[in-house]
PDB file of all heavy atoms in Angstrom:
ATOM      1  N   ILE A   1     -83.320-119.724 -43.239  1.00  0.00           N
ATOM      2  CA  ILE A   1     -83.425-119.119 -41.842  1.00  0.00           C
ATOM      3  C   ILE A   1     -83.663-117.596 -42.061  1.00  0.00           C
ATOM      4  O   ILE A   1     -84.334-117.103 -41.139  1.00  0.00           O
ATOM      5  CB  ILE A   1     -82.010-119.458 -41.241  1.00  0.00           C
ATOM      6  CG1 ILE A   1     -81.816-120.937 -41.075  1.00  0.00           C
ATOM      7  CG2 ILE A   1     -81.821-118.697 -39.820  1.00  0.00           C
ATOM      8  CD1 ILE A   1     -80.419-121.207 -40.512  1.00  0.00           C
ATOM      9  N   LEU A   2     -82.974-117.008 -43.002  1.00  0.00           N
ATOM     10  CA  LEU A   2     -83.185-115.409 -43.130  1.00  0.00           C
ATOM     11  C   LEU A   2     -84.708-115.234 -43.506  1.00  0.00           C
ATOM     12  O   LEU A   2     -85.164-114.211 -43.148  1.00  0.00           O
ATOM     13  CB  LEU A   2     -82.285-114.987 -44.316  1.00  0.00           C
ATOM     14  CG  LEU A   2     -80.765-114.916 -43.916  1.00  0.00           C
ATOM     15  CD1 LEU A   2     -79.919-114.428 -45.180  1.00  0.00           C
ATOM     16  CD2 LEU A   2     -80.609-113.952 -42.713  1.00  0.00           C
ATOM     17  N   THR A   3     -85.268-116.034 -44.374  1.00  0.00           N
ATOM     18  CA  THR A   3     -86.630-115.901 -44.786  1.00  0.00           C
ATOM     19  C   THR A   3     -87.601-115.998 -43.524  1.00  0.00           C
ATOM     20  O   THR A   3     -88.546-115.157 -43.235  1.00  0.00           O
ATOM     21  CB  THR A   3     -87.172-116.846 -45.720  1.00  0.00           C
ATOM     22  OG1 THR A   3     -86.318-116.760 -46.840  1.00  0.00           O
ATOM     23  CG2 THR A   3     -88.602-116.702 -46.095  1.00  0.00           C
ATOM     24  N   SER A   4     -87.237-116.918 -42.558  1.00  0.00           N
ATOM     25  CA  SER A   4     -88.018-117.103 -41.345  1.00  0.00           C
ATOM     26  C   SER A   4     -87.893-115.891 -40.430  1.00  0.00           C
ATOM     27  O   SER A   4     -88.801-115.375 -39.787  1.00  0.00           O
ATOM     28  CB  SER A   4     -87.499-118.418 -40.607  1.00  0.00           C
ATOM     29  OG  SER A   4     -87.706-119.473 -41.419  1.00  0.00           O
ATOM     30  N   VAL A   5     -86.579-115.424 -40.262  1.00  0.00           N
ATOM     31  CA  VAL A   5     -86.294-114.162 -39.442  1.00  0.00           C
ATOM     32  C   VAL A   5     -86.992-113.038 -40.035  1.00  0.00           C
ATOM     33  O   VAL A   5     -87.728-112.253 -39.220  1.00  0.00           O
ATOM     34  CB  VAL A   5     -84.865-113.893 -39.429  1.00  0.00           C
ATOM     35  CG1 VAL A   5     -84.464-112.677 -38.831  1.00  0.00           C
ATOM     36  CG2 VAL A   5     -84.044-114.963 -38.699  1.00  0.00           C
ATOM     37  N   LEU A   6     -87.109-112.779 -41.306  1.00  0.00           N
ATOM     38  CA  LEU A   6     -87.755-111.760 -41.913  1.00  0.00           C
ATOM     39  C   LEU A   6     -89.359-111.810 -41.634  1.00  0.00           C
ATOM     40  O   LEU A   6     -90.006-110.771 -41.374  1.00  0.00           O
ATOM     41  CB  LEU A   6     -87.569-111.669 -43.407  1.00  0.00           C
ATOM     42  CG  LEU A   6     -88.199-110.465 -44.268  1.00  0.00           C
ATOM     43  CD1 LEU A   6     -87.592-109.116 -43.709  1.00  0.00           C
ATOM     44  CD2 LEU A   6     -87.831-110.646 -45.765  1.00  0.00           C
ATOM     45  N   LEU A   7     -89.898-112.927 -41.723  1.00  0.00           N
ATOM     46  CA  LEU A   7     -91.255-113.156 -41.558  1.00  0.00           C
ATOM     47  C   LEU A   7     -91.660-112.864 -40.092  1.00  0.00           C
ATOM     48  O   LEU A   7     -92.670-112.171 -39.856  1.00  0.00           O
ATOM     49  CB  LEU A   7     -91.726-114.572 -41.849  1.00  0.00           C
ATOM     50  CG  LEU A   7     -91.710-114.909 -43.366  1.00  0.00           C
ATOM     51  CD1 LEU A   7     -92.147-116.399 -43.639  1.00  0.00           C
ATOM     52  CD2 LEU A   7     -92.868-114.051 -44.095  1.00  0.00           C
ATOM     53  N   VAL A   8     -90.787-113.349 -39.148  1.00  0.00           N
ATOM     54  CA  VAL A   8     -91.038-112.998 -37.667  1.00  0.00           C
ATOM     55  C   VAL A   8     -91.025-111.479 -37.434  1.00  0.00           C
ATOM     56  O   VAL A   8     -91.851-111.104 -36.641  1.00  0.00           O
ATOM     57  CB  VAL A   8     -89.996-113.773 -36.933  1.00  0.00           C
ATOM     58  CG1 VAL A   8     -90.148-113.344 -35.404  1.00  0.00           C
ATOM     59  CG2 VAL A   8     -90.231-115.329 -37.016  1.00  0.00           C
ATOM     60  N   ALA A   9     -90.055-110.974 -38.069  1.00  0.00           N
ATOM     61  CA  ALA A   9     -89.917-109.514 -37.801  1.00  0.00           C
ATOM     62  C   ALA A   9     -91.093-108.662 -38.331  1.00  0.00           C
ATOM     63  O   ALA A   9     -91.581-107.711 -37.846  1.00  0.00           O
ATOM     64  CB  ALA A   9     -88.597-108.940 -38.373  1.00  0.00           C
ATOM     65  N   ILE A  10     -91.581-109.144 -39.593  1.00  0.00           N
ATOM     66  CA  ILE A  10     -92.799-108.485 -40.177  1.00  0.00           C
ATOM     67  C   ILE A  10     -93.961-108.698 -39.376  1.00  0.00           C
ATOM     68  O   ILE A  10     -94.689-107.708 -39.075  1.00  0.00           O
ATOM     69  CB  ILE A  10     -92.999-108.988 -41.640  1.00  0.00           C
ATOM     70  CG1 ILE A  10     -91.705-108.508 -42.517  1.00  0.00           C
ATOM     71  CG2 ILE A  10     -94.282-108.566 -42.214  1.00  0.00           C
ATOM     72  CD1 ILE A  10     -91.817-109.101 -43.889  1.00  0.00           C
ATOM     73  N   ILE A  11     -94.187-109.868 -38.839  1.00  0.00           N
ATOM     74  CA  ILE A  11     -95.349-110.279 -38.049  1.00  0.00           C
ATOM     75  C   ILE A  11     -95.273-109.543 -36.739  1.00  0.00           C
ATOM     76  O   ILE A  11     -96.340-108.894 -36.231  1.00  0.00           O
ATOM     77  CB  ILE A  11     -95.493-111.820 -37.793  1.00  0.00           C
ATOM     78  CG1 ILE A  11     -95.835-112.507 -39.220  1.00  0.00           C
ATOM     79  CG2 ILE A  11     -96.558-112.153 -36.835  1.00  0.00           C
ATOM     80  CD1 ILE A  11     -95.743-113.970 -39.116  1.00  0.00           C
ATOM     81  N   THR A  12     -94.239-109.491 -36.150  1.00  0.00           N
ATOM     82  CA  THR A  12     -94.073-108.705 -34.855  1.00  0.00           C
ATOM     83  C   THR A  12     -94.246-107.234 -34.944  1.00  0.00           C
ATOM     84  O   THR A  12     -94.937-106.631 -34.183  1.00  0.00           O
ATOM     85  CB  THR A  12     -92.558-109.016 -34.217  1.00  0.00           C
ATOM     86  OG1 THR A  12     -92.360-110.355 -34.156  1.00  0.00           O
ATOM     87  CG2 THR A  12     -92.411-108.258 -33.006  1.00  0.00           C
ATOM     88  N   ALA A  13     -93.672-106.681 -36.073  1.00  0.00           N
ATOM     89  CA  ALA A  13     -93.914-105.206 -36.212  1.00  0.00           C
ATOM     90  C   ALA A  13     -95.296-104.904 -36.500  1.00  0.00           C
ATOM     91  O   ALA A  13     -95.847-103.876 -36.036  1.00  0.00           O
ATOM     92  CB  ALA A  13     -92.940-104.684 -37.395  1.00  0.00           C
ATOM     93  N   THR A  14     -95.986-105.797 -37.296  1.00  0.00           N
ATOM     94  CA  THR A  14     -97.503-105.562 -37.542  1.00  0.00           C
ATOM     95  C   THR A  14     -98.246-105.600 -36.308  1.00  0.00           C
ATOM     96  O   THR A  14     -99.176-104.644 -35.991  1.00  0.00           O
ATOM     97  CB  THR A  14     -97.890-106.529 -38.577  1.00  0.00           C
ATOM     98  OG1 THR A  14     -97.038-106.440 -39.732  1.00  0.00           O
ATOM     99  CG2 THR A  14     -99.378-106.238 -39.009  1.00  0.00           C
ATOM    100  N   GLN A  15     -98.003-106.545 -35.530  1.00  0.00           N
ATOM    101  CA  GLN A  15     -98.874-106.782 -34.299  1.00  0.00           C
ATOM    102  C   GLN A  15     -98.544-105.566 -33.241  1.00  0.00           C
ATOM    103  O   GLN A  15     -99.544-105.016 -32.705  1.00  0.00           O
ATOM    104  CB  GLN A  15     -98.471-108.192 -33.521  1.00  0.00           C
ATOM    105  CG  GLN A  15     -98.986-109.309 -34.322  1.00  0.00           C
ATOM    106  CD  GLN A  15     -98.561-110.651 -33.739  1.00  0.00           C
ATOM    107  OE1 GLN A  15     -97.598-110.753 -32.850  1.00  0.00           O
ATOM    108  NE2 GLN A  15     -99.202-111.672 -34.057  1.00  0.00           N
ATOM    109  N   GLU A  16     -97.398-105.224 -33.096  1.00  0.00           N
ATOM    110  CA  GLU A  16     -96.992-104.135 -32.213  1.00  0.00           C
ATOM    111  C   GLU A  16     -97.659-102.795 -32.629  1.00  0.00           C
ATOM    112  O   GLU A  16     -98.144-102.046 -31.793  1.00  0.00           O
ATOM    113  CB  GLU A  16     -95.375-104.041 -32.040  1.00  0.00           C
ATOM    114  CG  GLU A  16     -94.820-105.222 -31.291  1.00  0.00           C
ATOM    115  CD  GLU A  16     -95.306-105.381 -29.928  1.00  0.00           C
ATOM    116  OE1 GLU A  16     -95.599-104.310 -29.252  1.00  0.00           O
ATOM    117  OE2 GLU A  16     -95.349-106.437 -29.315  1.00  0.00           O
ATOM    118  N   HIS A  17     -97.533-102.561 -33.878  1.00  0.00           N
ATOM    119  CA  HIS A  17     -98.058-101.445 -34.544  1.00  0.00           C
ATOM    120  C   HIS A  17     -99.620-101.405 -34.363  1.00  0.00           C
ATOM    121  O   HIS A  17    -100.209-100.225 -33.992  1.00  0.00           O
ATOM    122  CB  HIS A  17     -97.675-101.270 -35.973  1.00  0.00           C
ATOM    123  CG  HIS A  17     -98.060 -99.832 -36.550  1.00  0.00           C
ATOM    124  ND1 HIS A  17     -99.093 -99.634 -37.431  1.00  0.00           N
ATOM    125  CD2 HIS A  17     -97.279 -98.748 -36.425  1.00  0.00           C
ATOM    126  CE1 HIS A  17     -99.108 -98.400 -37.829  1.00  0.00           C
ATOM    127  NE2 HIS A  17     -98.104 -97.818 -37.301  1.00  0.00           N
ATOM    128  N   ASP A  18    -100.206-102.441 -34.565  1.00  0.00           N
ATOM    129  CA  ASP A  18    -101.710-102.457 -34.394  1.00  0.00           C
ATOM    130  C   ASP A  18    -102.084-102.245 -32.928  1.00  0.00           C
ATOM    131  O   ASP A  18    -103.087-101.540 -32.611  1.00  0.00           O
ATOM    132  CB  ASP A  18    -102.254-103.863 -34.737  1.00  0.00           C
ATOM    133  CG  ASP A  18    -102.156-104.024 -36.431  1.00  0.00           C
ATOM    134  OD1 ASP A  18    -102.162-102.945 -37.077  1.00  0.00           O
ATOM    135  OD2 ASP A  18    -102.217-105.118 -36.873  1.00  0.00           O
ATOM    136  N   LYS A  19    -101.409-102.799 -31.978  1.00  0.00           N
ATOM    137  CA  LYS A  19    -101.604-102.658 -30.602  1.00  0.00           C
ATOM    138  C   LYS A  19    -101.462-101.168 -30.134  1.00  0.00           C
ATOM    139  O   LYS A  19    -102.217-100.601 -29.405  1.00  0.00           O
ATOM    140  CB  LYS A  19    -100.652-103.487 -29.755  1.00  0.00           C
ATOM    141  CG  LYS A  19    -100.898-104.905 -29.714  1.00  0.00           C
ATOM    142  CD  LYS A  19     -99.848-105.696 -28.832  1.00  0.00           C
ATOM    143  CE  LYS A  19    -100.027-107.270 -28.871  1.00  0.00           C
ATOM    144  NZ  LYS A  19     -99.133-108.027 -28.108  1.00  0.00           N
ATOM    145  N   ALA A  20    -100.478-100.519 -30.707  1.00  0.00           N
ATOM    146  CA  ALA A  20    -100.251 -99.119 -30.440  1.00  0.00           C
ATOM    147  C   ALA A  20    -101.397 -98.316 -30.967  1.00  0.00           C
ATOM    148  O   ALA A  20    -101.809 -97.208 -30.212  1.00  0.00           O
ATOM    149  CB  ALA A  20     -98.884 -98.692 -30.998  1.00  0.00           C
ATOM    150  N   LEU A  21    -101.850 -98.565 -32.188  1.00  0.00           N
ATOM    151  CA  LEU A  21    -102.868 -97.803 -32.662  1.00  0.00           C
ATOM    152  C   LEU A  21    -104.158 -97.924 -31.866  1.00  0.00           C
ATOM    153  O   LEU A  21    -104.906 -96.920 -31.526  1.00  0.00           O
ATOM    154  CB  LEU A  21    -103.285 -98.289 -34.176  1.00  0.00           C
ATOM    155  CG  LEU A  21    -102.164 -97.870 -35.235  1.00  0.00           C
ATOM    156  CD1 LEU A  21    -102.529 -98.504 -36.493  1.00  0.00           C
ATOM    157  CD2 LEU A  21    -102.221 -96.397 -35.337  1.00  0.00           C
ATOM    158  N   LYS A  22    -104.474 -99.185 -31.510  1.00  0.00           N
ATOM    159  CA  LYS A  22    -105.696 -99.411 -30.591  1.00  0.00           C
ATOM    160  C   LYS A  22    -105.667 -98.689 -29.236  1.00  0.00           C
ATOM    161  O   LYS A  22    -106.591 -98.222 -28.807  1.00  0.00           O
ATOM    162  CB  LYS A  22    -105.818-100.899 -30.433  1.00  0.00           C
ATOM    163  CG  LYS A  22    -106.186-101.583 -31.748  1.00  0.00           C
ATOM    164  CD  LYS A  22    -106.416-103.203 -31.617  1.00  0.00           C
ATOM    165  CE  LYS A  22    -106.861-103.876 -32.782  1.00  0.00           C
ATOM    166  NZ  LYS A  22    -106.970-105.329 -32.687  1.00  0.00           N
ATOM    167  N   PHE A  23    -104.303 -98.730 -28.669  1.00  0.00           N
ATOM    168  CA  PHE A  23    -104.181 -98.125 -27.347  1.00  0.00           C
ATOM    169  C   PHE A  23    -104.338 -96.730 -27.532  1.00  0.00           C
ATOM    170  O   PHE A  23    -104.944 -96.142 -26.567  1.00  0.00           O
ATOM    171  CB  PHE A  23    -102.641 -98.452 -26.948  1.00  0.00           C
ATOM    172  CG  PHE A  23    -102.358 -97.918 -25.650  1.00  0.00           C
ATOM    173  CD1 PHE A  23    -102.945 -98.456 -24.396  1.00  0.00           C
ATOM    174  CD2 PHE A  23    -101.605 -96.746 -25.473  1.00  0.00           C
ATOM    175  CE1 PHE A  23    -102.552 -97.922 -23.068  1.00  0.00           C
ATOM    176  CE2 PHE A  23    -101.305 -96.164 -24.184  1.00  0.00           C
ATOM    177  CZ  PHE A  23    -101.781 -96.742 -22.917  1.00  0.00           C
ATOM    178  N   GLU A  24    -103.880 -96.104 -28.498  1.00  0.00           N
ATOM    179  CA  GLU A  24    -104.036 -94.649 -28.800  1.00  0.00           C
ATOM    180  C   GLU A  24    -105.563 -94.178 -28.855  1.00  0.00           C
ATOM    181  O   GLU A  24    -106.012 -93.244 -28.438  1.00  0.00           O
ATOM    182  CB  GLU A  24    -103.258 -94.113 -29.924  1.00  0.00           C
ATOM    183  CG  GLU A  24    -103.256 -92.654 -30.219  1.00  0.00           C
ATOM    184  CD  GLU A  24    -102.330 -92.117 -31.273  1.00  0.00           C
ATOM    185  OE1 GLU A  24    -101.827 -93.029 -32.066  1.00  0.00           O
ATOM    186  OE2 GLU A  24    -102.167 -91.004 -31.505  1.00  0.00           O
TER     187      GLU A  24
END
């Protein structure tokens, strides 16, 4: 469960960061 949570957090952070870069 903890591994799944960590993977979700990593994927979410990566996607949000990429979106912010493209928006800028």
